[in-house]
């Protein structure tokens, strides 16, 4: 009895594509804008370089992440009433 294992690797995600506006970046298919095949919506998903600029890979968690909060603001319950 033979057992075959199939390893499917995801495609490499381009960091700085030449023309990101020509593709949909919503899944691993990278469909052309005029032929969306995955049904991910009626509009294409933009590449992060289009949304955040050329330095999008440098964005990350703030330096104060080790203090327990990422935003630097103390955690508050959304139902907390000031002064009660």
PDB file of N, CA and C in Angstrom:
ATOM      1  N   UNK A   1       0.849  -1.170   0.000  1.00  0.00           N
ATOM      2  CA  UNK A   1       0.000   0.000   0.000  1.00  0.00           C
ATOM      3  C   UNK A   1       0.895   1.234   0.000  1.00  0.00           C
ATOM      4  N   UNK A   2       0.709   2.076  -0.976  1.00  0.00           N
ATOM      5  CA  UNK A   2       1.482   3.304  -1.086  1.00  0.00           C
ATOM      6  C   UNK A   2       0.642   4.487  -0.639  1.00  0.00           C
ATOM      7  N   UNK A   3       1.256   5.331   0.130  1.00  0.00           N
ATOM      8  CA  UNK A   3       0.599   6.557   0.561  1.00  0.00           C
ATOM      9  C   UNK A   3       1.391   7.708  -0.027  1.00  0.00           C
ATOM     10  N   UNK A   4       0.713   8.505  -0.803  1.00  0.00           N
ATOM     11  CA  UNK A   4       1.391   9.655  -1.379  1.00  0.00           C
ATOM     12  C   UNK A   4       0.972  10.905  -0.634  1.00  0.00           C
ATOM     13  N   UNK A   5       1.904  11.734  -0.417  1.00  0.00           N
ATOM     14  CA  UNK A   5       1.642  12.997   0.252  1.00  0.00           C
ATOM     15  C   UNK A   5       1.857  14.109  -0.749  1.00  0.00           C
ATOM     16  N   UNK A   6       0.874  14.951  -0.858  1.00  0.00           N
ATOM     17  CA  UNK A   6       0.947  16.059  -1.786  1.00  0.00           C
ATOM     18  C   UNK A   6       1.127  17.342  -0.991  1.00  0.00           C
ATOM     19  N   UNK A   7       2.228  18.020  -1.226  1.00  0.00           N
ATOM     20  CA  UNK A   7       2.487  19.284  -0.570  1.00  0.00           C
ATOM     21  C   UNK A   7       2.195  20.398  -1.567  1.00  0.00           C
ATOM     22  N   UNK A   8       1.241  21.219  -1.242  1.00  0.00           N
ATOM     23  CA  UNK A   8       0.893  22.336  -2.097  1.00  0.00           C
ATOM     24  C   UNK A   8       1.459  23.593  -1.463  1.00  0.00           C
ATOM     25  N   UNK A   9       2.333  24.222  -2.181  1.00  0.00           N
ATOM     26  CA  UNK A   9       2.961  25.435  -1.682  1.00  0.00           C
ATOM     27  C   UNK A   9       2.223  26.645  -2.259  1.00  0.00           C
ATOM     28  N   UNK A  10       2.052  27.655  -1.454  1.00  0.00           N
ATOM     29  CA  UNK A  10       1.461  28.893  -1.940  1.00  0.00           C
ATOM     30  C   UNK A  10       2.464  29.609  -2.837  1.00  0.00           C
ATOM     31  N   UNK A  11       1.938  30.384  -3.741  1.00  0.00           N
ATOM     32  CA  UNK A  11       2.813  31.143  -4.622  1.00  0.00           C
ATOM     33  C   UNK A  11       3.555  32.206  -3.819  1.00  0.00           C
ATOM     34  N   UNK A  12       4.734  32.560  -4.276  1.00  0.00           N
ATOM     35  CA  UNK A  12       5.468  33.646  -3.632  1.00  0.00           C
ATOM     36  C   UNK A  12       4.723  34.946  -3.875  1.00  0.00           C
ATOM     37  N   UNK A  13       4.594  35.737  -2.840  1.00  0.00           N
ATOM     38  CA  UNK A  13       3.893  37.008  -2.951  1.00  0.00           C
ATOM     39  C   UNK A  13       4.878  38.082  -3.362  1.00  0.00           C
ATOM     40  N   UNK A  14       4.660  38.742  -4.490  1.00  0.00           N
ATOM     41  CA  UNK A  14       5.598  39.768  -4.950  1.00  0.00           C
ATOM     42  C   UNK A  14       5.587  40.985  -4.020  1.00  0.00           C
ATOM     43  N   UNK A  15       6.755  41.432  -3.637  1.00  0.00           N
ATOM     44  CA  UNK A  15       6.884  42.562  -2.731  1.00  0.00           C
ATOM     45  C   UNK A  15       6.619  43.885  -3.459  1.00  0.00           C
ATOM     46  N   UNK A  16       7.223  44.063  -4.623  1.00  0.00           N
ATOM     47  CA  UNK A  16       7.058  45.285  -5.419  1.00  0.00           C
ATOM     48  C   UNK A  16       6.769  44.912  -6.874  1.00  0.00           C
ATOM     49  N   UNK A  17       5.519  44.545  -7.183  1.00  0.00           N
ATOM     50  CA  UNK A  17       5.207  44.210  -8.577  1.00  0.00           C
ATOM     51  C   UNK A  17       5.269  45.450  -9.465  1.00  0.00           C
ATOM     52  N   UNK A  18       5.585  45.246 -10.743  1.00  0.00           N
ATOM     53  CA  UNK A  18       5.721  46.375 -11.661  1.00  0.00           C
ATOM     54  C   UNK A  18       4.386  47.068 -11.915  1.00  0.00           C
ATOM     55  N   UNK A  19       3.324  46.310 -12.099  1.00  0.00           N
ATOM     56  CA  UNK A  19       2.011  46.879 -12.385  1.00  0.00           C
ATOM     57  C   UNK A  19       0.967  46.207 -11.491  1.00  0.00           C
ATOM     58  N   UNK A  20       0.913  46.568 -10.209  1.00  0.00           N
ATOM     59  CA  UNK A  20      -0.023  45.895  -9.307  1.00  0.00           C
ATOM     60  C   UNK A  20      -1.489  46.145  -9.667  1.00  0.00           C
ATOM     61  N   UNK A  21      -1.766  47.210 -10.392  1.00  0.00           N
ATOM     62  CA  UNK A  21      -3.140  47.541 -10.738  1.00  0.00           C
ATOM     63  C   UNK A  21      -3.730  46.597 -11.781  1.00  0.00           C
ATOM     64  N   UNK A  22      -2.915  45.752 -12.392  1.00  0.00           N
ATOM     65  CA  UNK A  22      -3.389  44.851 -13.446  1.00  0.00           C
ATOM     66  C   UNK A  22      -3.920  43.525 -12.921  1.00  0.00           C
ATOM     67  N   UNK A  23      -3.690  43.226 -11.633  1.00  0.00           N
ATOM     68  CA  UNK A  23      -4.094  41.944 -11.073  1.00  0.00           C
ATOM     69  C   UNK A  23      -4.957  42.129  -9.841  1.00  0.00           C
ATOM     70  N   UNK A  24      -5.720  41.078  -9.515  1.00  0.00           N
ATOM     71  CA  UNK A  24      -6.445  41.012  -8.248  1.00  0.00           C
ATOM     72  C   UNK A  24      -5.561  40.221  -7.287  1.00  0.00           C
ATOM     73  N   UNK A  25      -5.369  40.736  -6.084  1.00  0.00           N
ATOM     74  CA  UNK A  25      -4.459  40.116  -5.120  1.00  0.00           C
ATOM     75  C   UNK A  25      -5.219  39.411  -3.998  1.00  0.00           C
ATOM     76  N   UNK A  26      -6.484  39.077  -4.212  1.00  0.00           N
ATOM     77  CA  UNK A  26      -7.328  38.509  -3.171  1.00  0.00           C
ATOM     78  C   UNK A  26      -7.080  37.047  -2.866  1.00  0.00           C
ATOM     79  N   UNK A  27      -6.465  36.300  -3.763  1.00  0.00           N
ATOM     80  CA  UNK A  27      -6.169  34.885  -3.514  1.00  0.00           C
ATOM     81  C   UNK A  27      -4.894  34.522  -4.278  1.00  0.00           C
ATOM     82  N   UNK A  28      -4.571  33.243  -4.325  1.00  0.00           N
ATOM     83  CA  UNK A  28      -3.345  32.797  -4.985  1.00  0.00           C
ATOM     84  C   UNK A  28      -3.466  32.688  -6.498  1.00  0.00           C
ATOM     85  N   UNK A  29      -4.627  33.014  -7.049  1.00  0.00           N
ATOM     86  CA  UNK A  29      -4.791  32.906  -8.505  1.00  0.00           C
ATOM     87  C   UNK A  29      -4.229  34.115  -9.245  1.00  0.00           C
ATOM     88  N   UNK A  30      -4.206  35.288  -8.599  1.00  0.00           N
ATOM     89  CA  UNK A  30      -3.713  36.530  -9.212  1.00  0.00           C
ATOM     90  C   UNK A  30      -4.365  36.758 -10.573  1.00  0.00           C
ATOM     91  N   UNK A  31      -5.688  36.816 -10.580  1.00  0.00           N
ATOM     92  CA  UNK A  31      -6.457  36.965 -11.817  1.00  0.00           C
ATOM     93  C   UNK A  31      -6.271  38.346 -12.428  1.00  0.00           C
ATOM     94  N   UNK A  32      -6.349  38.429 -13.767  1.00  0.00           N
ATOM     95  CA  UNK A  32      -6.366  39.739 -14.406  1.00  0.00           C
ATOM     96  C   UNK A  32      -7.623  40.497 -13.991  1.00  0.00           C
ATOM     97  N   UNK A  33      -7.569  41.798 -14.025  1.00  0.00           N
ATOM     98  CA  UNK A  33      -8.676  42.636 -13.565  1.00  0.00           C
ATOM     99  C   UNK A  33      -9.962  42.353 -14.333  1.00  0.00           C
ATOM    100  N   UNK A  34      -9.853  42.046 -15.601  1.00  0.00           N
ATOM    101  CA  UNK A  34     -11.055  41.836 -16.411  1.00  0.00           C
ATOM    102  C   UNK A  34     -11.538  40.387 -16.420  1.00  0.00           C
ATOM    103  N   UNK A  35     -10.948  39.510 -15.605  1.00  0.00           N
ATOM    104  CA  UNK A  35     -11.365  38.103 -15.569  1.00  0.00           C
ATOM    105  C   UNK A  35     -11.233  37.545 -14.149  1.00  0.00           C
ATOM    106  N   UNK A  36     -12.000  38.085 -13.201  1.00  0.00           N
ATOM    107  CA  UNK A  36     -11.943  37.612 -11.822  1.00  0.00           C
ATOM    108  C   UNK A  36     -12.591  36.233 -11.729  1.00  0.00           C
ATOM    109  N   UNK A  37     -11.825  35.228 -11.349  1.00  0.00           N
ATOM    110  CA  UNK A  37     -12.307  33.848 -11.373  1.00  0.00           C
ATOM    111  C   UNK A  37     -12.680  33.288 -10.010  1.00  0.00           C
ATOM    112  N   UNK A  38     -12.215  33.868  -8.934  1.00  0.00           N
ATOM    113  CA  UNK A  38     -12.413  33.249  -7.629  1.00  0.00           C
ATOM    114  C   UNK A  38     -13.719  33.646  -6.965  1.00  0.00           C
ATOM    115  N   UNK A  39     -14.404  34.649  -7.448  1.00  0.00           N
ATOM    116  CA  UNK A  39     -15.634  35.086  -6.809  1.00  0.00           C
ATOM    117  C   UNK A  39     -15.384  35.801  -5.502  1.00  0.00           C
ATOM    118  N   UNK A  40     -14.223  36.399  -5.377  1.00  0.00           N
ATOM    119  CA  UNK A  40     -13.842  37.095  -4.152  1.00  0.00           C
ATOM    120  C   UNK A  40     -14.580  38.426  -4.019  1.00  0.00           C
ATOM    121  N   UNK A  41     -15.421  38.730  -4.925  1.00  0.00           N
ATOM    122  CA  UNK A  41     -16.149  39.991  -4.906  1.00  0.00           C
ATOM    123  C   UNK A  41     -16.259  40.546  -6.300  1.00  0.00           C
ATOM    124  N   UNK A  42     -16.904  41.658  -6.412  1.00  0.00           N
ATOM    125  CA  UNK A  42     -17.074  42.239  -7.733  1.00  0.00           C
ATOM    126  C   UNK A  42     -15.929  43.173  -8.097  1.00  0.00           C
ATOM    127  N   UNK A  43     -15.096  43.501  -7.121  1.00  0.00           N
ATOM    128  CA  UNK A  43     -13.948  44.367  -7.371  1.00  0.00           C
ATOM    129  C   UNK A  43     -12.675  43.623  -7.013  1.00  0.00           C
ATOM    130  N   UNK A  44     -11.584  44.060  -7.579  1.00  0.00           N
ATOM    131  CA  UNK A  44     -10.321  43.411  -7.295  1.00  0.00           C
ATOM    132  C   UNK A  44      -9.785  43.853  -5.936  1.00  0.00           C
ATOM    133  N   UNK A  45      -9.001  43.001  -5.323  1.00  0.00           N
ATOM    134  CA  UNK A  45      -8.321  43.336  -4.079  1.00  0.00           C
ATOM    135  C   UNK A  45      -7.000  43.986  -4.429  1.00  0.00           C
ATOM    136  N   UNK A  46      -6.728  45.131  -3.822  1.00  0.00           N
ATOM    137  CA  UNK A  46      -5.507  45.856  -4.141  1.00  0.00           C
ATOM    138  C   UNK A  46      -4.297  45.244  -3.454  1.00  0.00           C
ATOM    139  N   UNK A  47      -3.154  45.429  -4.069  1.00  0.00           N
ATOM    140  CA  UNK A  47      -1.877  45.004  -3.482  1.00  0.00           C
ATOM    141  C   UNK A  47      -1.534  45.984  -2.359  1.00  0.00           C
ATOM    142  N   UNK A  48      -0.872  45.523  -1.290  1.00  0.00           N
ATOM    143  CA  UNK A  48      -0.514  46.425  -0.189  1.00  0.00           C
ATOM    144  C   UNK A  48       0.303  47.643  -0.619  1.00  0.00           C
ATOM    145  N   UNK A  49       1.096  47.525  -1.678  1.00  0.00           N
ATOM    146  CA  UNK A  49       1.875  48.682  -2.130  1.00  0.00           C
ATOM    147  C   UNK A  49       0.949  49.783  -2.650  1.00  0.00           C
ATOM    148  N   UNK A  50      -0.211  49.413  -3.162  1.00  0.00           N
ATOM    149  CA  UNK A  50      -1.178  50.406  -3.623  1.00  0.00           C
ATOM    150  C   UNK A  50      -1.870  51.094  -2.449  1.00  0.00           C
ATOM    151  N   UNK A  51      -2.048  50.365  -1.374  1.00  0.00           N
ATOM    152  CA  UNK A  51      -2.746  50.912  -0.216  1.00  0.00           C
ATOM    153  C   UNK A  51      -1.841  51.697   0.726  1.00  0.00           C
ATOM    154  N   UNK A  52      -0.636  51.168   0.968  1.00  0.00           N
ATOM    155  CA  UNK A  52       0.226  51.711   2.013  1.00  0.00           C
ATOM    156  C   UNK A  52       1.518  52.347   1.503  1.00  0.00           C
ATOM    157  N   UNK A  53       1.805  52.226   0.225  1.00  0.00           N
ATOM    158  CA  UNK A  53       3.014  52.823  -0.334  1.00  0.00           C
ATOM    159  C   UNK A  53       4.156  51.821  -0.436  1.00  0.00           C
ATOM    160  N   UNK A  54       5.279  52.288  -0.965  1.00  0.00           N
ATOM    161  CA  UNK A  54       6.423  51.414  -1.235  1.00  0.00           C
ATOM    162  C   UNK A  54       7.054  50.830   0.030  1.00  0.00           C
ATOM    163  N   UNK A  55       6.856  51.453   1.180  1.00  0.00           N
ATOM    164  CA  UNK A  55       7.462  50.950   2.413  1.00  0.00           C
ATOM    165  C   UNK A  55       6.496  50.081   3.221  1.00  0.00           C
ATOM    166  N   UNK A  56       5.536  49.445   2.571  1.00  0.00           N
ATOM    167  CA  UNK A  56       4.526  48.674   3.278  1.00  0.00           C
ATOM    168  C   UNK A  56       5.102  47.502   4.061  1.00  0.00           C
ATOM    169  N   UNK A  57       6.228  46.957   3.660  1.00  0.00           N
ATOM    170  CA  UNK A  57       6.830  45.819   4.380  1.00  0.00           C
ATOM    171  C   UNK A  57       7.475  46.256   5.687  1.00  0.00           C
ATOM    172  N   UNK A  58       7.748  47.538   5.841  1.00  0.00           N
ATOM    173  CA  UNK A  58       8.386  48.018   7.060  1.00  0.00           C
ATOM    174  C   UNK A  58       7.374  48.282   8.166  1.00  0.00           C
ATOM    175  N   UNK A  59       6.096  48.257   7.851  1.00  0.00           N
ATOM    176  CA  UNK A  59       5.077  48.476   8.861  1.00  0.00           C
ATOM    177  C   UNK A  59       5.048  47.260   9.768  1.00  0.00           C
ATOM    178  N   UNK A  60       4.792  47.463  11.035  1.00  0.00           N
ATOM    179  CA  UNK A  60       4.725  46.348  11.965  1.00  0.00           C
ATOM    180  C   UNK A  60       4.131  46.796  13.275  1.00  0.00           C
ATOM    181  N   UNK A  61       4.233  45.941  14.246  1.00  0.00           N
ATOM    182  CA  UNK A  61       3.721  46.260  15.570  1.00  0.00           C
ATOM    183  C   UNK A  61       4.574  47.370  16.186  1.00  0.00           C
ATOM    184  N   UNK A  62       3.951  48.250  16.959  1.00  0.00           N
ATOM    185  CA  UNK A  62       4.722  49.304  17.624  1.00  0.00           C
ATOM    186  C   UNK A  62       5.732  48.725  18.606  1.00  0.00           C
ATOM    187  N   UNK A  63       6.710  49.539  18.967  1.00  0.00           N
ATOM    188  CA  UNK A  63       7.761  49.086  19.873  1.00  0.00           C
ATOM    189  C   UNK A  63       7.255  48.799  21.275  1.00  0.00           C
ATOM    190  N   UNK A  64       6.100  49.336  21.669  1.00  0.00           N
ATOM    191  CA  UNK A  64       5.601  49.124  23.017  1.00  0.00           C
ATOM    192  C   UNK A  64       4.731  47.879  23.128  1.00  0.00           C
ATOM    193  N   UNK A  65       4.839  46.942  22.179  1.00  0.00           N
ATOM    194  CA  UNK A  65       4.022  45.733  22.192  1.00  0.00           C
ATOM    195  C   UNK A  65       4.306  44.870  23.412  1.00  0.00           C
ATOM    196  N   UNK A  66       5.498  44.981  23.981  1.00  0.00           N
ATOM    197  CA  UNK A  66       5.832  44.157  25.133  1.00  0.00           C
ATOM    198  C   UNK A  66       5.175  44.674  26.418  1.00  0.00           C
ATOM    199  N   UNK A  67       4.525  45.831  26.387  1.00  0.00           N
ATOM    200  CA  UNK A  67       3.871  46.385  27.560  1.00  0.00           C
ATOM    201  C   UNK A  67       2.452  45.864  27.733  1.00  0.00           C
ATOM    202  N   UNK A  68       2.002  44.994  26.846  1.00  0.00           N
ATOM    203  CA  UNK A  68       0.684  44.402  26.994  1.00  0.00           C
ATOM    204  C   UNK A  68      -0.356  44.988  26.051  1.00  0.00           C
ATOM    205  N   UNK A  69      -0.128  46.164  25.521  1.00  0.00           N
ATOM    206  CA  UNK A  69      -1.048  46.742  24.551  1.00  0.00           C
ATOM    207  C   UNK A  69      -0.254  47.174  23.335  1.00  0.00           C
ATOM    208  N   UNK A  70      -0.873  47.067  22.185  1.00  0.00           N
ATOM    209  CA  UNK A  70      -0.172  47.450  20.976  1.00  0.00           C
ATOM    210  C   UNK A  70      -0.364  48.918  20.644  1.00  0.00           C
ATOM    211  N   UNK A  71      -1.417  49.517  21.134  1.00  0.00           N
ATOM    212  CA  UNK A  71      -1.672  50.904  20.776  1.00  0.00           C
ATOM    213  C   UNK A  71      -1.115  51.882  21.795  1.00  0.00           C
ATOM    214  N   UNK A  72      -0.638  51.378  22.925  1.00  0.00           N
ATOM    215  CA  UNK A  72      -0.126  52.262  23.948  1.00  0.00           C
ATOM    216  C   UNK A  72      -1.222  52.809  24.834  1.00  0.00           C
ATOM    217  N   UNK A  73      -2.478  52.475  24.550  1.00  0.00           N
ATOM    218  CA  UNK A  73      -3.607  52.923  25.345  1.00  0.00           C
ATOM    219  C   UNK A  73      -4.045  51.759  26.217  1.00  0.00           C
ATOM    220  N   UNK A  74      -4.354  52.052  27.461  1.00  0.00           N
ATOM    221  CA  UNK A  74      -4.780  50.998  28.373  1.00  0.00           C
ATOM    222  C   UNK A  74      -6.062  50.350  27.865  1.00  0.00           C
ATOM    223  N   UNK A  75      -6.190  49.043  28.055  1.00  0.00           N
ATOM    224  CA  UNK A  75      -7.397  48.344  27.641  1.00  0.00           C
ATOM    225  C   UNK A  75      -8.580  48.829  28.442  1.00  0.00           C
ATOM    226  N   UNK A  76      -9.656  49.142  27.762  1.00  0.00           N
ATOM    227  CA  UNK A  76     -10.873  49.589  28.414  1.00  0.00           C
ATOM    228  C   UNK A  76     -12.021  48.790  27.882  1.00  0.00           C
ATOM    229  N   UNK A  77     -12.940  48.467  28.756  1.00  0.00           N
ATOM    230  CA  UNK A  77     -14.137  47.781  28.332  1.00  0.00           C
ATOM    231  C   UNK A  77     -15.002  48.751  27.557  1.00  0.00           C
ATOM    232  N   UNK A  78     -15.634  48.327  26.457  1.00  0.00           N
ATOM    233  CA  UNK A  78     -16.478  49.247  25.706  1.00  0.00           C
ATOM    234  C   UNK A  78     -17.716  49.654  26.502  1.00  0.00           C
ATOM    235  N   UNK A  79     -18.042  48.909  27.549  1.00  0.00           N
ATOM    236  CA  UNK A  79     -19.209  49.245  28.354  1.00  0.00           C
ATOM    237  C   UNK A  79     -18.846  50.027  29.604  1.00  0.00           C
ATOM    238  N   UNK A  80     -17.587  50.345  29.789  1.00  0.00           N
ATOM    239  CA  UNK A  80     -17.175  51.082  30.977  1.00  0.00           C
ATOM    240  C   UNK A  80     -17.725  52.502  30.924  1.00  0.00           C
ATOM    241  N   UNK A  81     -18.320  52.916  32.037  1.00  0.00           N
ATOM    242  CA  UNK A  81     -18.875  54.258  32.157  1.00  0.00           C
ATOM    243  C   UNK A  81     -17.946  55.083  33.031  1.00  0.00           C
ATOM    244  N   UNK A  82     -17.418  56.183  32.495  1.00  0.00           N
ATOM    245  CA  UNK A  82     -16.505  57.001  33.284  1.00  0.00           C
ATOM    246  C   UNK A  82     -17.192  57.533  34.541  1.00  0.00           C
ATOM    247  N   UNK A  83     -16.490  57.473  35.655  1.00  0.00           N
ATOM    248  CA  UNK A  83     -16.990  58.012  36.908  1.00  0.00           C
ATOM    249  C   UNK A  83     -17.886  57.068  37.675  1.00  0.00           C
ATOM    250  N   UNK A  84     -18.028  55.847  37.242  1.00  0.00           N
ATOM    251  CA  UNK A  84     -18.898  54.925  37.979  1.00  0.00           C
ATOM    252  C   UNK A  84     -18.113  53.899  38.730  1.00  0.00           C
TER     253      UNK A  84
END
